């Protein structure tokens, strides 16, 4: 019976990368299968895979990581969610806590495009003051940018510039 559940879950995970786990047992099996959620880079959709996590909490965790908060252990997550560690302990098999040095040259810090002000945007290499200003004006008129493609279309930026900016902007 366990092998059947394991194979069924494995098929579900292969067919639906955003499958929402229904039980702690499914989380344990997913962990055994090697599935991981990188806590410090997780999207809202990835957070929502975890049983018992609300959309509000998922957004809160994403916002904290976007601001640069790094979660180093399960205790950090529990503190951010204001819940006891034991309540989220069953998530542990699929959570991966990787520390990224914010000053590392290997991974330049990404600027959150939809929250950044002009001074923050001006720190982005290859982004001229004129484009940074246009980005802010278009964001004010047209709302948040969905992704890099949306930014390119709305500002009419060349592909070569988008290729350079991809490493510095976060949506």
Protein backbone atom coordinates (compact mmCIF):
# COMPACT_ATOMS: atom_id res chain seq x y z
CA UNK A 1 0.00 0.00 0.00
CA UNK A 2 2.85 2.39 0.84
CA UNK A 3 4.52 1.74 -2.53
CA UNK A 4 1.23 2.43 -4.32
CA UNK A 5 0.81 5.77 -2.48
CA UNK A 6 4.41 6.65 -3.16
CA UNK A 7 4.09 5.94 -6.90
CA UNK A 8 0.76 7.78 -7.12
CA UNK A 9 2.23 10.82 -5.38
CA UNK A 10 5.32 10.68 -7.56
CA UNK A 11 3.11 10.74 -10.68
CA UNK A 12 1.12 13.66 -9.28
CA UNK A 13 4.30 15.60 -8.56
CA UNK A 14 5.65 14.94 -12.06
CA UNK A 15 2.39 16.09 -13.66
CA UNK A 16 1.70 19.05 -11.37
CA UNK A 17 4.72 20.88 -9.95
CA UNK A 18 2.36 23.03 -7.85
CA UNK A 19 0.46 20.14 -6.32
CA UNK A 20 -0.77 21.12 -2.86
CA UNK A 21 0.08 18.48 -0.32
CA UNK A 22 -2.94 17.05 1.47
CA UNK A 23 -1.24 15.46 4.46
CA UNK A 24 1.93 15.26 6.53
CA UNK A 25 2.45 11.77 5.12
CA UNK A 26 2.54 13.16 1.57
CA UNK A 27 5.16 15.68 2.68
CA UNK A 28 7.30 12.91 4.14
CA UNK A 29 7.04 10.89 0.91
CA UNK A 30 7.85 13.98 -1.19
CA UNK A 31 10.92 14.56 0.97
CA UNK A 32 12.03 10.96 0.43
CA UNK A 33 11.58 11.49 -3.32
CA UNK A 34 13.96 14.44 -3.15
CA UNK A 35 11.46 17.28 -3.55
CA UNK A 36 12.66 20.50 -1.96
CA UNK A 37 11.37 24.02 -1.55
CA UNK A 38 14.24 26.51 -1.29
CA UNK A 39 12.91 28.65 1.54
CA UNK A 40 14.80 31.83 0.70
CA UNK A 41 13.77 31.77 -2.96
CA UNK A 42 10.27 30.29 -2.73
CA UNK A 43 7.40 31.85 -4.64
CA UNK A 44 3.93 32.33 -3.18
CA UNK A 45 2.76 29.32 -5.22
CA UNK A 46 5.52 27.16 -3.76
CA UNK A 47 4.62 28.21 -0.22
CA UNK A 48 0.97 27.40 -0.86
CA UNK A 49 1.91 23.76 -1.48
CA UNK A 50 2.36 23.35 2.26
CA UNK A 51 -0.68 22.16 4.22
CA UNK A 52 -1.96 24.64 6.76
CA UNK A 53 -0.36 27.73 5.20
CA UNK A 54 -2.74 30.53 4.23
CA UNK A 55 -2.38 32.83 1.22
CA UNK A 56 -1.73 35.69 3.65
CA UNK A 57 1.13 33.79 5.30
CA UNK A 58 2.59 32.76 1.92
CA UNK A 59 2.60 36.37 0.76
CA UNK A 60 4.13 37.46 4.05
CA UNK A 61 7.01 34.98 3.70
CA UNK A 62 7.62 35.99 0.08
CA UNK A 63 7.61 39.68 1.03
CA UNK A 64 10.12 39.07 3.82
CA UNK A 65 12.50 37.18 1.54
CA UNK A 66 12.12 39.86 -1.15
CA UNK A 67 13.15 42.45 1.45
CA UNK A 68 16.31 40.43 2.12
CA UNK A 69 15.29 38.50 5.24
CA UNK A 70 17.00 35.11 5.18
CA UNK A 71 15.49 32.13 6.92
CA UNK A 72 18.25 29.88 8.24
CA UNK A 73 16.20 27.30 10.13
CA UNK A 74 12.69 26.11 10.85
CA UNK A 75 12.69 28.30 13.96
CA UNK A 76 13.10 31.41 11.77
CA UNK A 77 10.05 30.44 9.72
CA UNK A 78 8.01 29.79 12.85
CA UNK A 79 8.99 33.19 14.25
CA UNK A 80 8.05 34.92 10.97
CA UNK A 81 4.68 33.18 10.97
CA UNK A 82 4.19 33.69 14.71
CA UNK A 83 3.47 29.99 15.27
CA UNK A 84 5.14 27.31 17.42
CA UNK A 85 7.91 25.36 15.68
CA UNK A 86 6.01 22.12 16.33
CA UNK A 87 3.14 23.38 14.18
CA UNK A 88 5.34 23.55 11.07
CA UNK A 89 7.73 20.70 11.93
CA UNK A 90 5.97 18.36 9.43
CA UNK A 91 7.08 20.67 6.58
CA UNK A 92 10.74 20.02 7.39
CA UNK A 93 11.31 17.07 5.00
CA UNK A 94 10.88 19.27 1.92
CA UNK A 95 12.28 22.59 3.15
CA UNK A 96 15.79 23.60 2.17
CA UNK A 97 17.50 26.44 4.04
CA UNK A 98 20.34 27.82 1.95
CA UNK A 99 22.15 30.93 3.10
CA UNK A 100 23.15 33.37 0.38
CA UNK A 101 25.63 36.06 1.30
CA UNK A 102 24.02 39.32 0.18
CA UNK A 103 27.46 40.76 -0.58
CA UNK A 104 28.42 37.84 -2.78
CA UNK A 105 29.69 38.74 -6.23
CA UNK A 106 28.34 35.45 -7.53
CA UNK A 107 24.73 36.50 -7.05
CA UNK A 108 24.13 40.23 -7.27
CA UNK A 109 21.23 41.47 -5.16
CA UNK A 110 17.99 41.76 -7.10
CA UNK A 111 15.91 44.90 -6.94
CA UNK A 112 12.15 44.35 -6.54
CA UNK A 113 10.89 46.29 -9.58
CA UNK A 114 7.37 46.81 -8.27
CA UNK A 115 8.49 48.25 -4.92
CA UNK A 116 11.72 50.06 -5.87
CA UNK A 117 12.12 53.82 -5.81
CA UNK A 118 14.31 55.83 -8.19
CA UNK A 119 17.42 55.62 -5.99
CA UNK A 120 17.19 51.83 -5.81
CA UNK A 121 16.68 51.53 -9.56
CA UNK A 122 19.70 53.71 -10.23
CA UNK A 123 21.89 51.10 -8.51
CA UNK A 124 21.03 48.58 -11.25
CA UNK A 125 23.87 48.28 -13.78
CA UNK A 126 22.90 49.16 -17.37
CA UNK A 127 19.74 51.01 -16.25
CA UNK A 128 19.99 54.67 -17.25
CA UNK A 129 18.28 57.43 -15.26
CA UNK A 130 15.90 58.01 -18.18
CA UNK A 131 14.81 54.35 -18.29
CA UNK A 132 14.53 54.18 -14.48
CA UNK A 133 12.27 57.25 -14.53
CA UNK A 134 10.18 55.82 -17.38
CA UNK A 135 9.88 52.53 -15.47
CA UNK A 136 8.46 54.34 -12.44
CA UNK A 137 6.07 56.44 -14.52
CA UNK A 138 4.76 53.42 -16.42
CA UNK A 139 4.37 51.47 -13.17
CA UNK A 140 2.32 54.35 -11.75
CA UNK A 141 0.05 54.44 -14.82
CA UNK A 142 -0.16 50.77 -15.78
CA UNK A 143 0.28 49.06 -12.41
CA UNK A 144 2.83 46.48 -11.33
CA UNK A 145 4.95 44.68 -13.89
CA UNK A 146 4.10 40.97 -14.15
CA UNK A 147 7.52 39.85 -15.37
CA UNK A 148 10.52 40.88 -17.47
CA UNK A 149 8.59 40.43 -20.73
CA UNK A 150 5.85 42.75 -19.50
CA UNK A 151 8.47 45.35 -18.56
CA UNK A 152 10.09 45.06 -22.00
CA UNK A 153 6.79 45.51 -23.86
CA UNK A 154 5.53 48.40 -21.76
CA UNK A 155 8.80 50.35 -21.97
CA UNK A 156 9.79 49.23 -25.49
CA UNK A 157 13.24 48.13 -24.33
CA UNK A 158 15.67 46.30 -26.62
CA UNK A 159 16.26 42.59 -26.01
CA UNK A 160 19.98 43.24 -25.44
CA UNK A 161 19.17 45.47 -22.46
CA UNK A 162 16.66 42.98 -21.04
CA UNK A 163 19.35 40.29 -21.25
CA UNK A 164 21.61 42.46 -19.09
CA UNK A 165 18.89 43.41 -16.61
CA UNK A 166 17.63 39.87 -15.99
CA UNK A 167 20.26 39.32 -13.28
CA UNK A 168 19.35 42.44 -11.32
CA UNK A 169 15.55 42.71 -11.33
CA UNK A 170 12.99 40.76 -9.35
CA UNK A 171 9.24 40.57 -9.97
